[in-house]
């Protein structure tokens, strides 16, 4: 068996069922699927063409769930996907072809998590805000980027769409159970320290839903920025980048301007909004004018929330983000 597809599950939901349906239609058949949840998962009576195992374990952390399931996996490679995503029909086939071309066993392979077409307006706006160059350099995580990207360009990858050899995964001691989110970032850094590489293929993609409401979106941004700040303090080289500091610098810069002169603050905000609006016009063909004009507001929101979370992580020692959406 080549792949063990591992899905940490919060509860049974329509997206999970869509994920299983997408796996059932895979053009590549040499795989098994392992669901793991702390709750009892009851699926419908659909018969699947693959081997399906459902594990119930009192584990809350997604990283720990993946670690536990990996110990029972029969596949040579571990394939990670989340329960709020579902794969393209050629996901495993293209991954198997790509893996054959990679000579070094120490690698992580990943592809983008694309927003499903049926997503609502809020999800599309959030997706816009993630794909802009003004919110980091991670556009390839959210859309197919066909520019030449080498392993030297990558030092991090999310577990929503990740492949790794099982023996290498155990050699790296799996996901760090001390962190969520960000356990995938820690795994990537451990791989790089041991001479491993991260590869990207835009055609190996999954469909990944964004958060369903503003509150959960804000919580997601805060959690990622908070753990990133912790990794910055740890000295992790894939987190020690100026780009992760910029939102905090921008936040304090705007606060100082606000205290000094409200009119100047509003003027800078308007100018920045116009710049963001111009950036978003590249997405005009994909979405409506409403989402086009609302997305700059979310970009600003993302930057401010990220700046707050990153700063707090530097000054608060004994706080951990809670698992949940």
C-alpha atoms as a PDB file:
ATOM      1  CA  UNK A   1       0.000   0.000   0.000  1.00  0.00           C
ATOM      2  CA  UNK A   2       1.482   3.337  -1.023  1.00  0.00           C
ATOM      3  CA  UNK A   3      -0.578   5.928   0.876  1.00  0.00           C
ATOM      4  CA  UNK A   4      -2.304   6.148   4.235  1.00  0.00           C
ATOM      5  CA  UNK A   5      -4.661   9.130   4.130  1.00  0.00           C
ATOM      6  CA  UNK A   6      -5.078  10.421   7.686  1.00  0.00           C
ATOM      7  CA  UNK A   7      -7.910  12.768   8.627  1.00  0.00           C
ATOM      8  CA  UNK A   8      -8.193  14.197  12.168  1.00  0.00           C
ATOM      9  CA  UNK A   9     -11.905  14.652  12.771  1.00  0.00           C
ATOM     10  CA  UNK A  10     -13.794  16.958  15.118  1.00  0.00           C
ATOM     11  CA  UNK A  11     -17.193  15.502  14.265  1.00  0.00           C
ATOM     12  CA  UNK A  12     -19.041  14.033  11.304  1.00  0.00           C
ATOM     13  CA  UNK A  13     -20.038  16.821   8.901  1.00  0.00           C
ATOM     14  CA  UNK A  14     -21.007  17.312   5.274  1.00  0.00           C
ATOM     15  CA  UNK A  15     -17.488  18.331   4.258  1.00  0.00           C
ATOM     16  CA  UNK A  16     -16.044  15.155   5.754  1.00  0.00           C
ATOM     17  CA  UNK A  17     -18.559  13.117   3.759  1.00  0.00           C
ATOM     18  CA  UNK A  18     -17.578  15.086   0.659  1.00  0.00           C
ATOM     19  CA  UNK A  19     -13.933  14.326   1.436  1.00  0.00           C
ATOM     20  CA  UNK A  20     -14.645  10.590   1.651  1.00  0.00           C
ATOM     21  CA  UNK A  21     -16.615  10.789  -1.580  1.00  0.00           C
ATOM     22  CA  UNK A  22     -13.677  12.530  -3.257  1.00  0.00           C
ATOM     23  CA  UNK A  23     -11.320   9.832  -1.986  1.00  0.00           C
ATOM     24  CA  UNK A  24     -13.661   7.151  -3.287  1.00  0.00           C
ATOM     25  CA  UNK A  25     -13.386   8.641  -6.776  1.00  0.00           C
ATOM     26  CA  UNK A  26      -9.588   8.846  -6.791  1.00  0.00           C
ATOM     27  CA  UNK A  27      -7.995   7.714 -10.039  1.00  0.00           C
ATOM     28  CA  UNK A  28      -5.233   6.136  -7.914  1.00  0.00           C
ATOM     29  CA  UNK A  29      -6.464   3.196  -5.821  1.00  0.00           C
ATOM     30  CA  UNK A  30      -3.509   2.020  -3.739  1.00  0.00           C
ATOM     31  CA  UNK A  31      -4.395   3.692  -0.443  1.00  0.00           C
ATOM     32  CA  UNK A  32      -6.238   3.412   2.847  1.00  0.00           C
ATOM     33  CA  UNK A  33      -8.083   6.052   4.876  1.00  0.00           C
ATOM     34  CA  UNK A  34      -7.871   6.515   8.633  1.00  0.00           C
ATOM     35  CA  UNK A  35     -10.266   8.798  10.511  1.00  0.00           C
ATOM     36  CA  UNK A  36      -9.430   9.629  14.104  1.00  0.00           C
ATOM     37  CA  UNK A  37     -11.647  11.510  16.533  1.00  0.00           C
ATOM     38  CA  UNK A  38     -12.161  11.922  20.258  1.00  0.00           C
ATOM     39  CA  UNK A  39     -15.894  11.574  19.603  1.00  0.00           C
ATOM     40  CA  UNK A  40     -17.809   8.621  18.233  1.00  0.00           C
ATOM     41  CA  UNK A  41     -18.075   9.000  14.464  1.00  0.00           C
ATOM     42  CA  UNK A  42     -21.061   7.360  12.777  1.00  0.00           C
ATOM     43  CA  UNK A  43     -21.039   7.493   8.989  1.00  0.00           C
ATOM     44  CA  UNK A  44     -23.838   6.643   6.604  1.00  0.00           C
ATOM     45  CA  UNK A  45     -23.970   3.183   5.053  1.00  0.00           C
ATOM     46  CA  UNK A  46     -22.075   4.217   1.929  1.00  0.00           C
ATOM     47  CA  UNK A  47     -19.692   1.524   0.711  1.00  0.00           C
ATOM     48  CA  UNK A  48     -16.232   2.769  -0.162  1.00  0.00           C
ATOM     49  CA  UNK A  49     -13.732   1.188  -2.538  1.00  0.00           C
ATOM     50  CA  UNK A  50     -10.883   1.811  -0.122  1.00  0.00           C
ATOM     51  CA  UNK A  51     -10.008   0.419   3.276  1.00  0.00           C
ATOM     52  CA  UNK A  52     -11.523   2.705   5.919  1.00  0.00           C
ATOM     53  CA  UNK A  53     -10.666   2.643   9.603  1.00  0.00           C
ATOM     54  CA  UNK A  54     -12.287   4.863  12.230  1.00  0.00           C
ATOM     55  CA  UNK A  55     -10.282   5.342  15.413  1.00  0.00           C
ATOM     56  CA  UNK A  56     -11.763   6.732  18.629  1.00  0.00           C
ATOM     57  CA  UNK A  57      -9.205   8.096  21.050  1.00  0.00           C
ATOM     58  CA  UNK A  58      -9.358  10.687  23.841  1.00  0.00           C
ATOM     59  CA  UNK A  59      -7.037  13.060  21.983  1.00  0.00           C
ATOM     60  CA  UNK A  60      -7.990  16.648  21.211  1.00  0.00           C
ATOM     61  CA  UNK A  61      -4.937  18.051  19.411  1.00  0.00           C
ATOM     62  CA  UNK A  62      -4.979  17.461  15.606  1.00  0.00           C
ATOM     63  CA  UNK A  63      -1.212  16.857  15.684  1.00  0.00           C
ATOM     64  CA  UNK A  64      -1.523  14.158  18.333  1.00  0.00           C
ATOM     65  CA  UNK A  65      -4.388  12.562  16.393  1.00  0.00           C
ATOM     66  CA  UNK A  66      -2.191  12.366  13.304  1.00  0.00           C
ATOM     67  CA  UNK A  67       0.678  10.927  15.336  1.00  0.00           C
ATOM     68  CA  UNK A  68      -1.524   8.207  16.803  1.00  0.00           C
ATOM     69  CA  UNK A  69      -3.075   7.265  13.465  1.00  0.00           C
ATOM     70  CA  UNK A  70       0.366   7.212  11.821  1.00  0.00           C
ATOM     71  CA  UNK A  71       1.500   4.444  14.172  1.00  0.00           C
ATOM     72  CA  UNK A  72      -1.295   2.239  12.808  1.00  0.00           C
ATOM     73  CA  UNK A  73      -0.884   3.285   9.178  1.00  0.00           C
ATOM     74  CA  UNK A  74       0.013   0.607   6.622  1.00  0.00           C
ATOM     75  CA  UNK A  75       1.050   2.917   3.806  1.00  0.00           C
ATOM     76  CA  UNK A  76       4.615   3.760   2.844  1.00  0.00           C
ATOM     77  CA  UNK A  77       3.683   7.437   2.731  1.00  0.00           C
ATOM     78  CA  UNK A  78       1.404   9.445   5.019  1.00  0.00           C
ATOM     79  CA  UNK A  79      -1.066  11.768   3.312  1.00  0.00           C
ATOM     80  CA  UNK A  80      -2.585  14.429   5.549  1.00  0.00           C
ATOM     81  CA  UNK A  81      -5.807  16.273   4.788  1.00  0.00           C
ATOM     82  CA  UNK A  82      -8.257  18.054   7.114  1.00  0.00           C
ATOM     83  CA  UNK A  83     -11.937  17.384   7.681  1.00  0.00           C
ATOM     84  CA  UNK A  84     -12.836  20.785   6.195  1.00  0.00           C
ATOM     85  CA  UNK A  85     -11.243  19.930   2.848  1.00  0.00           C
ATOM     86  CA  UNK A  86     -11.704  17.399   0.047  1.00  0.00           C
ATOM     87  CA  UNK A  87      -9.276  16.233  -2.653  1.00  0.00           C
ATOM     88  CA  UNK A  88      -9.135  16.689  -6.397  1.00  0.00           C
ATOM     89  CA  UNK A  89      -9.818  13.399  -8.201  1.00  0.00           C
ATOM     90  CA  UNK A  90      -6.167  13.084  -9.309  1.00  0.00           C
ATOM     91  CA  UNK A  91      -4.724  14.115  -5.924  1.00  0.00           C
ATOM     92  CA  UNK A  92      -3.072  10.789  -5.087  1.00  0.00           C
ATOM     93  CA  UNK A  93      -2.198   9.892  -8.683  1.00  0.00           C
ATOM     94  CA  UNK A  94      -0.249  13.105  -9.250  1.00  0.00           C
ATOM     95  CA  UNK A  95       1.362  12.823  -5.823  1.00  0.00           C
ATOM     96  CA  UNK A  96       2.577   9.296  -6.632  1.00  0.00           C
ATOM     97  CA  UNK A  97       4.094  10.504  -9.909  1.00  0.00           C
ATOM     98  CA  UNK A  98       5.787  13.454  -8.226  1.00  0.00           C
ATOM     99  CA  UNK A  99       7.194  11.266  -5.442  1.00  0.00           C
ATOM    100  CA  UNK A 100       8.813   8.944  -8.005  1.00  0.00           C
ATOM    101  CA  UNK A 101      10.795  11.919  -9.322  1.00  0.00           C
ATOM    102  CA  UNK A 102      12.076  12.963  -5.884  1.00  0.00           C
ATOM    103  CA  UNK A 103      15.379  11.224  -5.173  1.00  0.00           C
ATOM    104  CA  UNK A 104      15.818  12.321  -1.549  1.00  0.00           C
ATOM    105  CA  UNK A 105      13.672  10.391   0.984  1.00  0.00           C
ATOM    106  CA  UNK A 106      13.705  13.335   3.398  1.00  0.00           C
ATOM    107  CA  UNK A 107      10.982  15.485   1.904  1.00  0.00           C
ATOM    108  CA  UNK A 108       7.549  16.959   2.436  1.00  0.00           C
ATOM    109  CA  UNK A 109       5.352  17.352  -0.626  1.00  0.00           C
ATOM    110  CA  UNK A 110       2.437  19.749  -0.738  1.00  0.00           C
ATOM    111  CA  UNK A 111       0.033  21.601  -2.987  1.00  0.00           C
ATOM    112  CA  UNK A 112      -2.527  24.385  -2.642  1.00  0.00           C
ATOM    113  CA  UNK A 113      -5.815  24.347  -0.768  1.00  0.00           C
ATOM    114  CA  UNK A 114      -8.164  26.027  -3.224  1.00  0.00           C
ATOM    115  CA  UNK A 115     -11.457  27.634  -2.217  1.00  0.00           C
ATOM    116  CA  UNK A 116     -14.413  25.541  -3.502  1.00  0.00           C
ATOM    117  CA  UNK A 117     -16.505  27.306  -6.163  1.00  0.00           C
ATOM    118  CA  UNK A 118     -19.708  26.910  -4.158  1.00  0.00           C
ATOM    119  CA  UNK A 119     -18.339  28.955  -1.243  1.00  0.00           C
ATOM    120  CA  UNK A 120     -20.286  31.972  -0.001  1.00  0.00           C
ATOM    121  CA  UNK A 121     -19.417  35.666  -0.179  1.00  0.00           C
ATOM    122  CA  UNK A 122     -17.646  35.820   3.207  1.00  0.00           C
ATOM    123  CA  UNK A 123     -15.431  32.846   2.354  1.00  0.00           C
ATOM    124  CA  UNK A 124     -14.507  34.441  -0.975  1.00  0.00           C
ATOM    125  CA  UNK A 125     -13.578  37.688   0.760  1.00  0.00           C
ATOM    126  CA  UNK A 126     -11.445  35.824   3.298  1.00  0.00           C
ATOM    127  CA  UNK A 127      -9.826  33.913   0.456  1.00  0.00           C
ATOM    128  CA  UNK A 128      -9.044  37.224  -1.292  1.00  0.00           C
ATOM    129  CA  UNK A 129      -7.406  38.518   1.857  1.00  0.00           C
ATOM    130  CA  UNK A 130      -5.198  35.427   2.143  1.00  0.00           C
ATOM    131  CA  UNK A 131      -4.009  35.563  -1.462  1.00  0.00           C
ATOM    132  CA  UNK A 132      -2.882  39.171  -1.525  1.00  0.00           C
ATOM    133  CA  UNK A 133       0.834  39.993  -1.494  1.00  0.00           C
ATOM    134  CA  UNK A 134       0.104  42.403   1.397  1.00  0.00           C
ATOM    135  CA  UNK A 135      -0.606  39.515   3.744  1.00  0.00           C
ATOM    136  CA  UNK A 136       2.605  37.572   3.446  1.00  0.00           C
ATOM    137  CA  UNK A 137       4.121  35.466   0.713  1.00  0.00           C
ATOM    138  CA  UNK A 138       1.970  32.363   1.080  1.00  0.00           C
ATOM    139  CA  UNK A 139      -0.204  32.827  -2.043  1.00  0.00           C
ATOM    140  CA  UNK A 140       0.828  29.379  -3.291  1.00  0.00           C
ATOM    141  CA  UNK A 141      -0.998  27.834  -0.322  1.00  0.00           C
ATOM    142  CA  UNK A 142      -4.344  29.148  -1.541  1.00  0.00           C
ATOM    143  CA  UNK A 143      -4.159  29.077  -5.332  1.00  0.00           C
ATOM    144  CA  UNK A 144      -2.304  27.320  -8.127  1.00  0.00           C
ATOM    145  CA  UNK A 145       0.961  29.164  -8.618  1.00  0.00           C
ATOM    146  CA  UNK A 146       2.723  27.990 -11.762  1.00  0.00           C
ATOM    147  CA  UNK A 147       5.767  30.198 -11.363  1.00  0.00           C
ATOM    148  CA  UNK A 148       9.013  28.265 -10.958  1.00  0.00           C
ATOM    149  CA  UNK A 149       9.192  27.359  -7.265  1.00  0.00           C
ATOM    150  CA  UNK A 150      12.130  25.279  -6.070  1.00  0.00           C
ATOM    151  CA  UNK A 151      12.716  23.515  -2.764  1.00  0.00           C
ATOM    152  CA  UNK A 152      15.020  26.419  -1.838  1.00  0.00           C
ATOM    153  CA  UNK A 153      11.977  28.732  -1.836  1.00  0.00           C
ATOM    154  CA  UNK A 154      10.063  26.654   0.724  1.00  0.00           C
ATOM    155  CA  UNK A 155      10.640  26.219   4.449  1.00  0.00           C
ATOM    156  CA  UNK A 156       7.076  25.643   5.664  1.00  0.00           C
ATOM    157  CA  UNK A 157       3.889  23.892   4.563  1.00  0.00           C
ATOM    158  CA  UNK A 158       0.398  23.345   6.079  1.00  0.00           C
ATOM    159  CA  UNK A 159      -0.862  19.876   6.951  1.00  0.00           C
ATOM    160  CA  UNK A 160      -4.147  20.334   5.081  1.00  0.00           C
ATOM    161  CA  UNK A 161      -2.348  18.965   2.006  1.00  0.00           C
ATOM    162  CA  UNK A 162       0.878  17.229   2.956  1.00  0.00           C
ATOM    163  CA  UNK A 163       2.745  14.044   2.010  1.00  0.00           C
ATOM    164  CA  UNK A 164       5.693  12.573   3.888  1.00  0.00           C
ATOM    165  CA  UNK A 165       7.356   9.157   4.032  1.00  0.00           C
ATOM    166  CA  UNK A 166       6.232   7.302   7.152  1.00  0.00           C
ATOM    167  CA  UNK A 167       9.749   6.306   8.228  1.00  0.00           C
ATOM    168  CA  UNK A 168      10.919   9.930   7.932  1.00  0.00           C
ATOM    169  CA  UNK A 169       7.871  11.116   9.876  1.00  0.00           C
ATOM    170  CA  UNK A 170       8.774   8.837  12.787  1.00  0.00           C
ATOM    171  CA  UNK A 171      12.427   9.795  12.515  1.00  0.00           C
ATOM    172  CA  UNK A 172      11.309  13.408  13.057  1.00  0.00           C
ATOM    173  CA  UNK A 173       9.144  12.244  16.003  1.00  0.00           C
ATOM    174  CA  UNK A 174       5.965  13.377  14.261  1.00  0.00           C
ATOM    175  CA  UNK A 175       4.033  16.525  15.030  1.00  0.00           C
ATOM    176  CA  UNK A 176       4.966  18.458  18.162  1.00  0.00           C
ATOM    177  CA  UNK A 177       2.059  17.870  20.549  1.00  0.00           C
ATOM    178  CA  UNK A 178       2.892  21.043  22.478  1.00  0.00           C
ATOM    179  CA  UNK A 179       1.506  23.327  19.774  1.00  0.00           C
ATOM    180  CA  UNK A 180      -1.685  24.006  17.856  1.00  0.00           C
ATOM    181  CA  UNK A 181      -1.812  25.497  15.368  1.00  0.00           C
ATOM    182  CA  UNK A 182       1.716  25.488  13.985  1.00  0.00           C
ATOM    183  CA  UNK A 183       2.571  21.857  14.643  1.00  0.00           C
ATOM    184  CA  UNK A 184       3.070  21.478  10.872  1.00  0.00           C
ATOM    185  CA  UNK A 185       5.526  24.390  10.881  1.00  0.00           C
ATOM    186  CA  UNK A 186       7.529  22.647  13.613  1.00  0.00           C
ATOM    187  CA  UNK A 187       7.564  19.427  11.593  1.00  0.00           C
ATOM    188  CA  UNK A 188       8.855  21.289   8.538  1.00  0.00           C
ATOM    189  CA  UNK A 189      11.602  22.938  10.554  1.00  0.00           C
ATOM    190  CA  UNK A 190      12.656  19.571  12.011  1.00  0.00           C
ATOM    191  CA  UNK A 191      12.851  18.180   8.473  1.00  0.00           C
ATOM    192  CA  UNK A 192      14.963  21.083   7.212  1.00  0.00           C
ATOM    193  CA  UNK A 193      17.374  20.773  10.145  1.00  0.00           C
ATOM    194  CA  UNK A 194      18.042  17.175   9.107  1.00  0.00           C
ATOM    195  CA  UNK A 195      18.780  18.104   5.511  1.00  0.00           C
ATOM    196  CA  UNK A 196      15.281  17.509   4.165  1.00  0.00           C
ATOM    197  CA  UNK A 197      13.447  19.553   1.545  1.00  0.00           C
ATOM    198  CA  UNK A 198       9.913  20.775   0.877  1.00  0.00           C
ATOM    199  CA  UNK A 199       8.445  20.455  -2.617  1.00  0.00           C
ATOM    200  CA  UNK A 200       5.432  22.180  -4.151  1.00  0.00           C
ATOM    201  CA  UNK A 201       3.241  21.079  -7.036  1.00  0.00           C
ATOM    202  CA  UNK A 202       0.268  23.285  -8.018  1.00  0.00           C
ATOM    203  CA  UNK A 203      -1.540  20.335  -9.611  1.00  0.00           C
ATOM    204  CA  UNK A 204      -1.603  18.314  -6.377  1.00  0.00           C
ATOM    205  CA  UNK A 205      -4.418  20.310  -4.844  1.00  0.00           C
ATOM    206  CA  UNK A 206      -7.337  19.944  -2.490  1.00  0.00           C
ATOM    207  CA  UNK A 207     -10.417  22.096  -2.030  1.00  0.00           C
ATOM    208  CA  UNK A 208     -10.258  23.807   1.345  1.00  0.00           C
ATOM    209  CA  UNK A 209     -13.106  25.761   2.914  1.00  0.00           C
ATOM    210  CA  UNK A 210     -12.381  29.031   4.721  1.00  0.00           C
ATOM    211  CA  UNK A 211     -13.940  30.006   8.041  1.00  0.00           C
ATOM    212  CA  UNK A 212     -17.721  30.391   8.012  1.00  0.00           C
ATOM    213  CA  UNK A 213     -17.990  33.578  10.092  1.00  0.00           C
ATOM    214  CA  UNK A 214     -15.943  36.619  11.072  1.00  0.00           C
ATOM    215  CA  UNK A 215     -15.435  35.508  14.676  1.00  0.00           C
ATOM    216  CA  UNK A 216     -13.873  32.160  13.736  1.00  0.00           C
ATOM    217  CA  UNK A 217     -11.759  33.905  11.084  1.00  0.00           C
ATOM    218  CA  UNK A 218     -10.367  36.345  13.662  1.00  0.00           C
ATOM    219  CA  UNK A 219      -9.641  33.473  16.060  1.00  0.00           C
ATOM    220  CA  UNK A 220      -7.805  31.622  13.309  1.00  0.00           C
ATOM    221  CA  UNK A 221      -5.582  34.602  12.433  1.00  0.00           C
ATOM    222  CA  UNK A 222      -4.855  35.269  16.117  1.00  0.00           C
ATOM    223  CA  UNK A 223      -3.909  31.656  16.825  1.00  0.00           C
ATOM    224  CA  UNK A 224      -1.535  31.401  13.875  1.00  0.00           C
ATOM    225  CA  UNK A 225       0.151  34.704  14.695  1.00  0.00           C
ATOM    226  CA  UNK A 226       0.469  33.806  18.381  1.00  0.00           C
ATOM    227  CA  UNK A 227       2.172  30.464  17.749  1.00  0.00           C
ATOM    228  CA  UNK A 228       4.339  32.027  15.038  1.00  0.00           C
ATOM    229  CA  UNK A 229       5.573  34.510  17.621  1.00  0.00           C
ATOM    230  CA  UNK A 230       6.424  31.646  19.969  1.00  0.00           C
ATOM    231  CA  UNK A 231       8.394  29.951  17.196  1.00  0.00           C
ATOM    232  CA  UNK A 232      10.177  33.254  16.575  1.00  0.00           C
ATOM    233  CA  UNK A 233      11.265  33.261  20.216  1.00  0.00           C
ATOM    234  CA  UNK A 234      12.391  29.640  19.890  1.00  0.00           C
ATOM    235  CA  UNK A 235      14.742  30.728  17.124  1.00  0.00           C
ATOM    236  CA  UNK A 236      13.117  28.584  14.402  1.00  0.00           C
ATOM    237  CA  UNK A 237      14.652  29.848  11.181  1.00  0.00           C
ATOM    238  CA  UNK A 238      11.444  29.353   9.170  1.00  0.00           C
ATOM    239  CA  UNK A 239       9.742  31.734  11.623  1.00  0.00           C
ATOM    240  CA  UNK A 240      12.601  34.230  12.036  1.00  0.00           C
ATOM    241  CA  UNK A 241      11.613  36.396   9.082  1.00  0.00           C
ATOM    242  CA  UNK A 242      11.020  40.111   8.887  1.00  0.00           C
ATOM    243  CA  UNK A 243       7.712  39.489   7.122  1.00  0.00           C
ATOM    244  CA  UNK A 244       6.240  38.091  10.361  1.00  0.00           C
ATOM    245  CA  UNK A 245       7.268  41.248  12.252  1.00  0.00           C
ATOM    246  CA  UNK A 246       5.799  43.747   9.775  1.00  0.00           C
ATOM    247  CA  UNK A 247       2.141  43.481  10.967  1.00  0.00           C
ATOM    248  CA  UNK A 248       3.201  44.329  14.545  1.00  0.00           C
ATOM    249  CA  UNK A 249       5.353  47.264  13.359  1.00  0.00           C
ATOM    250  CA  UNK A 250       2.485  48.518  11.201  1.00  0.00           C
ATOM    251  CA  UNK A 251       0.024  48.157  14.093  1.00  0.00           C
ATOM    252  CA  UNK A 252       2.139  50.260  16.467  1.00  0.00           C
ATOM    253  CA  UNK A 253       2.919  52.775  13.733  1.00  0.00           C
ATOM    254  CA  UNK A 254      -0.816  53.317  13.129  1.00  0.00           C
ATOM    255  CA  UNK A 255      -1.526  53.538  16.861  1.00  0.00           C
ATOM    256  CA  UNK A 256       1.137  56.233  17.272  1.00  0.00           C
ATOM    257  CA  UNK A 257      -0.255  58.171  14.299  1.00  0.00           C
ATOM    258  CA  UNK A 258      -3.775  57.859  15.734  1.00  0.00           C
ATOM    259  CA  UNK A 259      -2.646  59.311  19.076  1.00  0.00           C
ATOM    260  CA  UNK A 260      -0.779  62.164  17.391  1.00  0.00           C
ATOM    261  CA  UNK A 261      -3.259  63.160  14.703  1.00  0.00           C
ATOM    262  CA  UNK A 262      -6.580  61.520  13.847  1.00  0.00           C
ATOM    263  CA  UNK A 263      -6.783  63.175  10.395  1.00  0.00           C
ATOM    264  CA  UNK A 264      -3.348  61.836   9.436  1.00  0.00           C
ATOM    265  CA  UNK A 265      -4.379  58.400  10.672  1.00  0.00           C
ATOM    266  CA  UNK A 266      -7.511  58.447   8.489  1.00  0.00           C
ATOM    267  CA  UNK A 267      -5.543  59.762   5.507  1.00  0.00           C
ATOM    268  CA  UNK A 268      -2.984  56.933   5.748  1.00  0.00           C
ATOM    269  CA  UNK A 269      -5.787  54.411   6.194  1.00  0.00           C
ATOM    270  CA  UNK A 270      -7.565  55.671   3.067  1.00  0.00           C
ATOM    271  CA  UNK A 271      -4.357  55.622   1.016  1.00  0.00           C
ATOM    272  CA  UNK A 272      -3.600  52.099   2.164  1.00  0.00           C
ATOM    273  CA  UNK A 273      -7.163  51.054   1.339  1.00  0.00           C
ATOM    274  CA  UNK A 274      -6.815  52.425  -2.204  1.00  0.00           C
ATOM    275  CA  UNK A 275      -3.529  50.547  -2.674  1.00  0.00           C
ATOM    276  CA  UNK A 276      -5.168  47.325  -1.481  1.00  0.00           C
ATOM    277  CA  UNK A 277      -8.114  47.945  -3.780  1.00  0.00           C
ATOM    278  CA  UNK A 278      -5.771  48.238  -6.736  1.00  0.00           C
ATOM    279  CA  UNK A 279      -4.100  44.985  -5.738  1.00  0.00           C
ATOM    280  CA  UNK A 280      -7.450  43.211  -5.604  1.00  0.00           C
ATOM    281  CA  UNK A 281      -8.494  44.237  -9.126  1.00  0.00           C
ATOM    282  CA  UNK A 282      -6.528  41.248 -10.406  1.00  0.00           C
ATOM    283  CA  UNK A 283      -9.312  39.103  -8.929  1.00  0.00           C
ATOM    284  CA  UNK A 284     -12.148  41.010 -10.576  1.00  0.00           C
ATOM    285  CA  UNK A 285     -12.914  38.226 -13.050  1.00  0.00           C
ATOM    286  CA  UNK A 286     -13.414  35.736 -10.241  1.00  0.00           C
ATOM    287  CA  UNK A 287     -15.783  37.634  -7.966  1.00  0.00           C
ATOM    288  CA  UNK A 288     -18.229  40.478  -7.588  1.00  0.00           C
ATOM    289  CA  UNK A 289     -17.570  44.175  -7.084  1.00  0.00           C
ATOM    290  CA  UNK A 290     -18.917  43.832  -3.525  1.00  0.00           C
ATOM    291  CA  UNK A 291     -16.292  41.274  -2.544  1.00  0.00           C
ATOM    292  CA  UNK A 292     -13.674  43.362  -4.333  1.00  0.00           C
ATOM    293  CA  UNK A 293     -14.391  46.403  -2.155  1.00  0.00           C
ATOM    294  CA  UNK A 294     -14.840  44.461   1.089  1.00  0.00           C
ATOM    295  CA  UNK A 295     -11.645  42.420   0.786  1.00  0.00           C
ATOM    296  CA  UNK A 296      -9.283  45.374   1.563  1.00  0.00           C
ATOM    297  CA  UNK A 297     -11.115  45.785   4.883  1.00  0.00           C
ATOM    298  CA  UNK A 298     -10.383  42.131   5.683  1.00  0.00           C
ATOM    299  CA  UNK A 299      -6.761  42.527   4.639  1.00  0.00           C
ATOM    300  CA  UNK A 300      -6.398  45.391   7.123  1.00  0.00           C
ATOM    301  CA  UNK A 301      -8.228  43.341   9.747  1.00  0.00           C
ATOM    302  CA  UNK A 302      -5.867  40.397   9.110  1.00  0.00           C
ATOM    303  CA  UNK A 303      -2.805  42.621   9.471  1.00  0.00           C
ATOM    304  CA  UNK A 304      -3.992  44.225  12.720  1.00  0.00           C
ATOM    305  CA  UNK A 305      -5.093  40.908  14.304  1.00  0.00           C
ATOM    306  CA  UNK A 306      -1.852  39.236  13.235  1.00  0.00           C
ATOM    307  CA  UNK A 307       0.133  42.125  14.685  1.00  0.00           C
ATOM    308  CA  UNK A 308      -1.717  41.852  18.003  1.00  0.00           C
ATOM    309  CA  UNK A 309      -1.314  38.068  18.231  1.00  0.00           C
ATOM    310  CA  UNK A 310       2.386  38.134  17.361  1.00  0.00           C
ATOM    311  CA  UNK A 311       3.103  40.906  19.885  1.00  0.00           C
ATOM    312  CA  UNK A 312       1.180  39.175  22.690  1.00  0.00           C
ATOM    313  CA  UNK A 313       3.097  35.953  22.071  1.00  0.00           C
ATOM    314  CA  UNK A 314       6.321  37.840  22.799  1.00  0.00           C
ATOM    315  CA  UNK A 315       5.120  39.156  26.166  1.00  0.00           C
ATOM    316  CA  UNK A 316       2.822  36.373  27.443  1.00  0.00           C
ATOM    317  CA  UNK A 317       4.647  33.234  28.556  1.00  0.00           C
ATOM    318  CA  UNK A 318       2.101  30.767  29.894  1.00  0.00           C
ATOM    319  CA  UNK A 319      -0.797  31.018  27.452  1.00  0.00           C
ATOM    320  CA  UNK A 320      -1.739  28.434  24.832  1.00  0.00           C
ATOM    321  CA  UNK A 321      -4.359  28.689  22.137  1.00  0.00           C
ATOM    322  CA  UNK A 322      -7.304  26.343  22.587  1.00  0.00           C
ATOM    323  CA  UNK A 323      -8.168  23.731  19.999  1.00  0.00           C
ATOM    324  CA  UNK A 324     -11.395  24.385  18.131  1.00  0.00           C
ATOM    325  CA  UNK A 325     -12.948  26.398  15.352  1.00  0.00           C
END
